[in-house]
Amino acid sequence: MDLQLQNKLALVTGSTAGIGYAVAEGLAREGATVIVNGRAAPRLENAVAAIRSKYPGCKVDGFAGDLSTAEACSALTARYPAIDILVNNLGIFNPQPFEEINDDEWRRFFEVNVLSGVRLSRSFASGRQGGGPVTLLSLNPEIWESSSSP
């Protein structure tokens, strides 16, 4: 299938494993230039290398940073001021009884699951001519398992 993604730049947040990795791999297979994101440089390097190995000639870059912080989002948008496809996959999940989740944990969930996507969507959409980027949300990737993770 040709999704006509050649010459498109795609960012997939939280993409060193699981659903995010599978999405990044699929975008690379379809010809997009893909930015893989993760907090830990070794995992990021492994994911980028695995995609490059599976699809020789594909264009894959990595950005190591915790995108739940405004600082990392600013660093990413400074490095990549315009993208064509934004996949807001970054998300966390901690199964525990509702009444045991304290305010600090709720704030952490909100920073990671909501504000990371809001900050990036706002930043990339503001400079876009003819509309904003494609945005997909998957807020709880830990729930799903991907057999294609490196």
N, C-alpha and C. Protein backbone atom coordinates (compact mmCIF):
# COMPACT_ATOMS: atom_id res chain seq x y z
N MET A 1 0.85 -1.17 0.00
CA MET A 1 0.00 0.00 0.00
C MET A 1 0.89 1.24 0.00
N ASP A 2 0.55 2.23 -0.77
CA ASP A 2 1.30 3.48 -0.82
C ASP A 2 0.44 4.58 -0.22
N LEU A 3 0.80 5.02 0.97
CA LEU A 3 0.06 6.08 1.65
C LEU A 3 0.57 7.46 1.26
N GLN A 4 1.50 7.53 0.30
CA GLN A 4 2.04 8.78 -0.22
C GLN A 4 2.65 9.64 0.89
N LEU A 5 3.51 9.01 1.69
CA LEU A 5 4.13 9.71 2.81
C LEU A 5 5.57 10.13 2.53
N GLN A 6 6.05 9.89 1.29
CA GLN A 6 7.38 10.34 0.94
C GLN A 6 7.44 11.85 1.12
N ASN A 7 8.58 12.34 1.59
CA ASN A 7 8.81 13.77 1.84
C ASN A 7 7.93 14.34 2.95
N LYS A 8 7.38 13.47 3.80
CA LYS A 8 6.62 13.92 4.97
C LYS A 8 7.47 13.65 6.20
N LEU A 9 7.44 14.59 7.14
CA LEU A 9 8.16 14.42 8.39
C LEU A 9 7.16 14.09 9.48
N ALA A 10 7.38 12.96 10.15
CA ALA A 10 6.45 12.47 11.18
C ALA A 10 7.16 12.37 12.52
N LEU A 11 6.51 12.84 13.56
CA LEU A 11 6.98 12.68 14.93
C LEU A 11 6.03 11.74 15.65
N VAL A 12 6.59 10.70 16.26
CA VAL A 12 5.80 9.78 17.07
C VAL A 12 6.35 9.85 18.49
N THR A 13 5.58 10.40 19.42
CA THR A 13 6.04 10.49 20.80
C THR A 13 5.91 9.14 21.48
N GLY A 14 6.78 8.89 22.45
CA GLY A 14 6.72 7.62 23.16
C GLY A 14 6.83 6.44 22.23
N SER A 15 7.88 6.41 21.41
CA SER A 15 7.91 5.43 20.32
C SER A 15 9.09 4.46 20.35
N THR A 16 9.66 4.23 21.52
CA THR A 16 10.75 3.26 21.60
C THR A 16 10.26 1.83 21.79
N ALA A 17 8.96 1.66 22.06
CA ALA A 17 8.38 0.32 22.27
C ALA A 17 6.88 0.40 22.06
N GLY A 18 6.25 -0.75 22.02
CA GLY A 18 4.79 -0.84 22.01
C GLY A 18 4.14 -0.23 20.78
N ILE A 19 2.98 0.37 21.01
CA ILE A 19 2.19 0.96 19.93
C ILE A 19 2.98 2.05 19.21
N GLY A 20 3.66 2.90 19.94
CA GLY A 20 4.42 3.99 19.33
C GLY A 20 5.50 3.48 18.40
N TYR A 21 6.20 2.43 18.81
CA TYR A 21 7.23 1.83 17.96
C TYR A 21 6.59 1.27 16.69
N ALA A 22 5.48 0.57 16.84
CA ALA A 22 4.81 -0.02 15.67
C ALA A 22 4.36 1.07 14.70
N VAL A 23 3.88 2.19 15.21
CA VAL A 23 3.46 3.31 14.36
C VAL A 23 4.67 3.91 13.65
N ALA A 24 5.76 4.13 14.39
CA ALA A 24 6.98 4.69 13.79
C ALA A 24 7.51 3.77 12.69
N GLU A 25 7.51 2.48 12.97
CA GLU A 25 7.96 1.50 11.99
C GLU A 25 7.08 1.54 10.73
N GLY A 26 5.78 1.61 10.92
CA GLY A 26 4.86 1.66 9.78
C GLY A 26 5.03 2.91 8.95
N LEU A 27 5.24 4.05 9.60
CA LEU A 27 5.46 5.30 8.88
C LEU A 27 6.77 5.24 8.08
N ALA A 28 7.81 4.67 8.68
CA ALA A 28 9.09 4.52 7.97
C ALA A 28 8.92 3.60 6.77
N ARG A 29 8.18 2.52 6.95
CA ARG A 29 7.94 1.57 5.84
C ARG A 29 7.23 2.27 4.68
N GLU A 30 6.37 3.22 5.00
CA GLU A 30 5.60 3.93 3.97
C GLU A 30 6.36 5.11 3.36
N GLY A 31 7.60 5.34 3.82
CA GLY A 31 8.42 6.37 3.19
C GLY A 31 8.52 7.69 3.91
N ALA A 32 7.84 7.85 5.04
CA ALA A 32 7.96 9.10 5.79
C ALA A 32 9.32 9.16 6.48
N THR A 33 9.80 10.36 6.69
CA THR A 33 10.95 10.55 7.57
C THR A 33 10.38 10.58 8.98
N VAL A 34 10.90 9.73 9.87
CA VAL A 34 10.30 9.54 11.18
C VAL A 34 11.23 10.00 12.29
N ILE A 35 10.67 10.73 13.23
CA ILE A 35 11.38 11.10 14.46
C ILE A 35 10.84 10.19 15.56
N VAL A 36 11.72 9.33 16.08
CA VAL A 36 11.37 8.44 17.18
C VAL A 36 11.70 9.17 18.47
N ASN A 37 10.85 9.04 19.48
CA ASN A 37 11.07 9.74 20.75
C ASN A 37 11.03 8.77 21.93
N GLY A 38 11.92 9.01 22.87
CA GLY A 38 11.93 8.29 24.13
C GLY A 38 12.76 9.06 25.13
N ARG A 39 12.60 8.72 26.41
CA ARG A 39 13.33 9.42 27.46
C ARG A 39 14.77 8.94 27.59
N ALA A 40 15.02 7.65 27.37
CA ALA A 40 16.34 7.06 27.60
C ALA A 40 17.08 6.89 26.28
N ALA A 41 18.27 7.47 26.19
CA ALA A 41 19.05 7.41 24.95
C ALA A 41 19.34 5.98 24.49
N PRO A 42 19.71 5.06 25.37
CA PRO A 42 19.99 3.69 24.87
C PRO A 42 18.77 3.03 24.22
N ARG A 43 17.61 3.15 24.83
CA ARG A 43 16.39 2.57 24.23
C ARG A 43 16.06 3.26 22.91
N LEU A 44 16.25 4.57 22.88
CA LEU A 44 15.99 5.33 21.66
C LEU A 44 16.92 4.87 20.54
N GLU A 45 18.20 4.75 20.84
CA GLU A 45 19.17 4.32 19.83
C GLU A 45 18.84 2.91 19.33
N ASN A 46 18.42 2.02 20.22
CA ASN A 46 18.04 0.66 19.81
C ASN A 46 16.84 0.67 18.88
N ALA A 47 15.84 1.49 19.20
CA ALA A 47 14.64 1.55 18.36
C ALA A 47 14.96 2.11 16.98
N VAL A 48 15.74 3.19 16.93
CA VAL A 48 16.13 3.78 15.64
C VAL A 48 16.92 2.76 14.82
N ALA A 49 17.87 2.09 15.45
CA ALA A 49 18.68 1.10 14.74
C ALA A 49 17.83 -0.06 14.23
N ALA A 50 16.86 -0.49 15.02
CA ALA A 50 16.00 -1.61 14.61
C ALA A 50 15.16 -1.24 13.38
N ILE A 51 14.65 -0.03 13.36
CA ILE A 51 13.84 0.40 12.20
C ILE A 51 14.73 0.53 10.97
N ARG A 52 15.89 1.12 11.14
CA ARG A 52 16.82 1.26 10.00
C ARG A 52 17.25 -0.10 9.45
N SER A 53 17.43 -1.06 10.36
CA SER A 53 17.83 -2.40 9.95
C SER A 53 16.71 -3.10 9.18
N LYS A 54 15.49 -2.92 9.64
CA LYS A 54 14.36 -3.57 9.00
C LYS A 54 14.01 -2.94 7.66
N TYR A 55 14.20 -1.63 7.55
CA TYR A 55 13.87 -0.90 6.31
C TYR A 55 15.09 -0.10 5.85
N PRO A 56 16.08 -0.77 5.25
CA PRO A 56 17.29 -0.08 4.79
C PRO A 56 16.92 1.08 3.86
N GLY A 57 17.58 2.18 4.07
CA GLY A 57 17.31 3.36 3.24
C GLY A 57 16.25 4.27 3.81
N CYS A 58 15.55 3.83 4.85
CA CYS A 58 14.52 4.71 5.43
C CYS A 58 15.20 5.84 6.20
N LYS A 59 14.48 6.89 6.41
CA LYS A 59 15.00 8.06 7.12
C LYS A 59 14.37 8.09 8.52
N VAL A 60 15.21 7.84 9.53
CA VAL A 60 14.75 7.81 10.91
C VAL A 60 15.74 8.60 11.76
N ASP A 61 15.20 9.47 12.59
CA ASP A 61 16.01 10.26 13.51
C ASP A 61 15.45 10.00 14.91
N GLY A 62 16.22 10.35 15.92
CA GLY A 62 15.76 10.16 17.28
C GLY A 62 15.84 11.44 18.08
N PHE A 63 14.92 11.60 19.01
CA PHE A 63 14.95 12.73 19.95
C PHE A 63 14.77 12.17 21.35
N ALA A 64 15.84 12.27 22.15
CA ALA A 64 15.77 11.81 23.54
C ALA A 64 15.32 12.97 24.41
N GLY A 65 14.20 12.79 25.08
CA GLY A 65 13.70 13.83 25.97
C GLY A 65 12.37 13.44 26.56
N ASP A 66 12.11 13.91 27.77
CA ASP A 66 10.86 13.66 28.47
C ASP A 66 9.85 14.73 28.05
N LEU A 67 9.01 14.39 27.10
CA LEU A 67 8.08 15.37 26.53
C LEU A 67 6.92 15.73 27.45
N SER A 68 6.94 15.21 28.68
CA SER A 68 5.94 15.68 29.65
C SER A 68 6.36 17.03 30.21
N THR A 69 7.58 17.47 29.89
CA THR A 69 8.06 18.77 30.37
C THR A 69 8.02 19.80 29.25
N ALA A 70 7.74 21.03 29.64
CA ALA A 70 7.72 22.12 28.67
C ALA A 70 9.10 22.33 28.05
N GLU A 71 10.14 22.12 28.84
CA GLU A 71 11.51 22.32 28.35
C GLU A 71 11.85 21.35 27.22
N ALA A 72 11.51 20.10 27.39
CA ALA A 72 11.80 19.12 26.33
C ALA A 72 10.97 19.40 25.08
N CYS A 73 9.72 19.79 25.27
CA CYS A 73 8.88 20.15 24.10
C CYS A 73 9.49 21.32 23.35
N SER A 74 9.98 22.32 24.09
CA SER A 74 10.61 23.48 23.45
C SER A 74 11.88 23.07 22.70
N ALA A 75 12.67 22.20 23.31
CA ALA A 75 13.90 21.73 22.64
C ALA A 75 13.57 20.97 21.36
N LEU A 76 12.53 20.15 21.41
CA LEU A 76 12.14 19.37 20.22
C LEU A 76 11.64 20.31 19.12
N THR A 77 10.80 21.26 19.46
CA THR A 77 10.25 22.15 18.43
C THR A 77 11.32 23.11 17.89
N ALA A 78 12.35 23.40 18.69
CA ALA A 78 13.46 24.20 18.18
C ALA A 78 14.26 23.39 17.16
N ARG A 79 14.43 22.11 17.43
CA ARG A 79 15.20 21.23 16.52
C ARG A 79 14.41 20.90 15.26
N TYR A 80 13.09 20.72 15.41
CA TYR A 80 12.19 20.40 14.29
C TYR A 80 11.04 21.41 14.30
N PRO A 81 11.22 22.57 13.69
CA PRO A 81 10.19 23.61 13.77
C PRO A 81 8.90 23.31 13.01
N ALA A 82 8.94 22.39 12.06
CA ALA A 82 7.73 22.07 11.29
C ALA A 82 7.70 20.57 11.03
N ILE A 83 6.55 19.97 11.23
CA ILE A 83 6.36 18.57 10.89
C ILE A 83 5.05 18.44 10.12
N ASP A 84 4.89 17.31 9.47
CA ASP A 84 3.67 17.06 8.71
C ASP A 84 2.71 16.15 9.45
N ILE A 85 3.25 15.24 10.24
CA ILE A 85 2.42 14.26 10.95
C ILE A 85 2.87 14.21 12.40
N LEU A 86 1.93 14.42 13.30
CA LEU A 86 2.21 14.34 14.73
C LEU A 86 1.36 13.24 15.33
N VAL A 87 2.03 12.24 15.90
CA VAL A 87 1.33 11.15 16.58
C VAL A 87 1.62 11.29 18.07
N ASN A 88 0.64 11.80 18.80
CA ASN A 88 0.76 11.99 20.24
C ASN A 88 0.47 10.67 20.94
N ASN A 89 1.46 9.80 20.96
CA ASN A 89 1.29 8.47 21.55
C ASN A 89 1.71 8.42 23.02
N LEU A 90 2.50 9.36 23.46
CA LEU A 90 3.02 9.34 24.82
C LEU A 90 1.89 9.24 25.83
N GLY A 91 2.01 8.29 26.74
CA GLY A 91 1.02 8.14 27.79
C GLY A 91 1.49 7.18 28.85
N ILE A 92 0.96 7.37 30.04
CA ILE A 92 1.29 6.48 31.15
C ILE A 92 0.01 5.93 31.75
N PHE A 93 0.17 4.82 32.44
CA PHE A 93 -0.97 4.14 33.06
C PHE A 93 -0.46 3.44 34.31
N ASN A 94 -1.14 3.61 35.40
CA ASN A 94 -0.77 2.97 36.65
C ASN A 94 -2.03 2.37 37.27
N PRO A 95 -2.27 1.08 37.06
CA PRO A 95 -3.51 0.50 37.58
C PRO A 95 -3.51 0.45 39.10
N GLN A 96 -4.39 1.23 39.68
CA GLN A 96 -4.56 1.25 41.12
C GLN A 96 -5.95 1.77 41.42
N PRO A 97 -6.46 1.48 42.60
CA PRO A 97 -7.81 1.96 42.94
C PRO A 97 -7.89 3.48 42.89
N PHE A 98 -8.96 3.99 42.35
CA PHE A 98 -9.19 5.42 42.18
C PHE A 98 -8.92 6.20 43.47
N GLU A 99 -9.40 5.70 44.57
CA GLU A 99 -9.29 6.43 45.83
C GLU A 99 -7.85 6.48 46.36
N GLU A 100 -6.95 5.70 45.78
CA GLU A 100 -5.55 5.70 46.20
C GLU A 100 -4.67 6.61 45.35
N ILE A 101 -5.21 7.21 44.31
CA ILE A 101 -4.42 8.09 43.45
C ILE A 101 -4.42 9.48 44.07
N ASN A 102 -3.23 9.94 44.52
CA ASN A 102 -3.15 11.24 45.18
C ASN A 102 -3.04 12.37 44.14
N ASP A 103 -3.08 13.59 44.62
CA ASP A 103 -3.06 14.75 43.73
C ASP A 103 -1.78 14.84 42.89
N ASP A 104 -0.65 14.51 43.50
CA ASP A 104 0.61 14.57 42.73
C ASP A 104 0.60 13.58 41.57
N GLU A 105 0.05 12.39 41.81
CA GLU A 105 -0.04 11.39 40.74
C GLU A 105 -0.99 11.86 39.64
N TRP A 106 -2.11 12.48 40.01
CA TRP A 106 -3.03 13.03 39.00
C TRP A 106 -2.34 14.10 38.17
N ARG A 107 -1.55 14.95 38.84
CA ARG A 107 -0.82 15.99 38.10
C ARG A 107 0.17 15.36 37.12
N ARG A 108 0.85 14.30 37.57
CA ARG A 108 1.79 13.61 36.69
C ARG A 108 1.07 13.01 35.48
N PHE A 109 -0.07 12.34 35.71
CA PHE A 109 -0.87 11.80 34.61
C PHE A 109 -1.24 12.91 33.63
N PHE A 110 -1.66 14.05 34.15
CA PHE A 110 -2.10 15.16 33.30
C PHE A 110 -0.94 15.72 32.49
N GLU A 111 0.22 15.91 33.12
CA GLU A 111 1.40 16.42 32.40
C GLU A 111 1.77 15.50 31.24
N VAL A 112 1.81 14.20 31.51
CA VAL A 112 2.24 13.24 30.50
C VAL A 112 1.15 13.00 29.46
N ASN A 113 -0.04 12.68 29.91
CA ASN A 113 -1.11 12.22 29.01
C ASN A 113 -1.83 13.34 28.27
N VAL A 114 -1.82 14.53 28.83
CA VAL A 114 -2.57 15.62 28.21
C VAL A 114 -1.65 16.74 27.74
N LEU A 115 -0.91 17.35 28.68
CA LEU A 115 -0.15 18.54 28.31
C LEU A 115 0.96 18.28 27.30
N SER A 116 1.56 17.09 27.30
CA SER A 116 2.58 16.82 26.28
C SER A 116 1.98 16.96 24.88
N GLY A 117 0.82 16.39 24.67
CA GLY A 117 0.15 16.48 23.37
C GLY A 117 -0.34 17.88 23.05
N VAL A 118 -0.84 18.57 24.07
CA VAL A 118 -1.33 19.94 23.87
C VAL A 118 -0.18 20.85 23.46
N ARG A 119 0.93 20.76 24.18
CA ARG A 119 2.07 21.63 23.87
C ARG A 119 2.58 21.41 22.45
N LEU A 120 2.74 20.15 22.07
CA LEU A 120 3.25 19.87 20.72
C LEU A 120 2.24 20.24 19.65
N SER A 121 0.98 19.89 19.85
CA SER A 121 -0.06 20.23 18.86
C SER A 121 -0.14 21.73 18.67
N ARG A 122 -0.13 22.47 19.76
CA ARG A 122 -0.22 23.93 19.69
C ARG A 122 0.99 24.50 18.95
N SER A 123 2.17 24.02 19.28
CA SER A 123 3.39 24.54 18.67
C SER A 123 3.44 24.26 17.16
N PHE A 124 3.16 23.01 16.79
CA PHE A 124 3.25 22.67 15.37
C PHE A 124 2.10 23.23 14.55
N ALA A 125 0.92 23.34 15.11
CA ALA A 125 -0.23 23.86 14.36
C ALA A 125 -0.12 25.35 14.13
N SER A 126 0.55 26.07 15.02
CA SER A 126 0.60 27.53 14.92
C SER A 126 1.28 28.02 13.65
N GLY A 127 2.25 27.28 13.13
CA GLY A 127 2.96 27.72 11.94
C GLY A 127 2.52 27.06 10.66
N ARG A 128 1.46 26.28 10.71
CA ARG A 128 1.00 25.47 9.57
C ARG A 128 0.11 26.26 8.64
N GLN A 129 0.43 26.21 7.36
CA GLN A 129 -0.44 26.79 6.34
C GLN A 129 -1.43 25.72 5.89
N GLY A 130 -2.67 26.05 5.75
CA GLY A 130 -3.66 25.10 5.25
C GLY A 130 -4.07 24.05 6.26
N GLY A 131 -3.92 24.34 7.55
CA GLY A 131 -4.37 23.40 8.57
C GLY A 131 -3.23 22.81 9.38
N GLY A 132 -3.60 22.21 10.47
CA GLY A 132 -2.62 21.65 11.40
C GLY A 132 -2.20 20.25 11.02
N PRO A 133 -1.32 19.69 11.84
CA PRO A 133 -0.83 18.34 11.57
C PRO A 133 -1.88 17.30 11.90
N VAL A 134 -1.67 16.11 11.38
CA VAL A 134 -2.52 14.98 11.73
C VAL A 134 -2.17 14.61 13.17
N THR A 135 -3.16 14.49 14.03
CA THR A 135 -2.90 14.16 15.42
C THR A 135 -3.69 12.92 15.79
N LEU A 136 -2.98 11.91 16.30
CA LEU A 136 -3.60 10.70 16.79
C LEU A 136 -3.27 10.57 18.26
N LEU A 137 -4.22 10.18 19.07
CA LEU A 137 -3.97 10.04 20.49
C LEU A 137 -4.13 8.60 20.93
N SER A 138 -3.20 8.15 21.73
CA SER A 138 -3.28 6.84 22.37
C SER A 138 -2.72 7.04 23.76
N LEU A 139 -3.58 7.33 24.70
CA LEU A 139 -3.11 7.79 26.00
C LEU A 139 -2.65 6.69 26.94
N ASN A 140 -2.95 5.45 26.68
CA ASN A 140 -2.54 4.38 27.57
C ASN A 140 -1.85 3.25 26.82
N PRO A 141 -0.68 3.51 26.23
CA PRO A 141 -0.03 2.47 25.43
C PRO A 141 0.40 1.26 26.25
N GLU A 142 0.60 1.41 27.57
CA GLU A 142 1.04 0.27 28.37
C GLU A 142 -0.02 -0.82 28.44
N ILE A 143 -1.27 -0.53 28.13
CA ILE A 143 -2.33 -1.50 28.18
C ILE A 143 -2.17 -2.54 27.07
N TRP A 144 -1.62 -2.10 25.94
CA TRP A 144 -1.51 -2.95 24.76
C TRP A 144 -0.11 -3.49 24.63
N GLU A 145 0.04 -4.63 24.07
CA GLU A 145 1.34 -5.23 23.81
C GLU A 145 1.57 -5.23 22.30
N SER A 146 2.79 -4.97 21.88
CA SER A 146 3.13 -5.00 20.46
C SER A 146 4.23 -6.03 20.25
N SER A 147 3.97 -6.95 19.36
CA SER A 147 4.97 -7.98 19.09
C SER A 147 6.11 -7.45 18.24
N SER A 148 5.99 -6.22 17.71
CA SER A 148 7.03 -5.70 16.83
C SER A 148 8.01 -4.79 17.56
N SER A 149 7.94 -4.72 18.89
CA SER A 149 8.90 -3.91 19.63
C SER A 149 10.28 -4.52 19.54
N PRO A 150 11.32 -3.65 19.54
CA PRO A 150 12.69 -4.18 19.44
C PRO A 150 13.10 -4.89 20.72
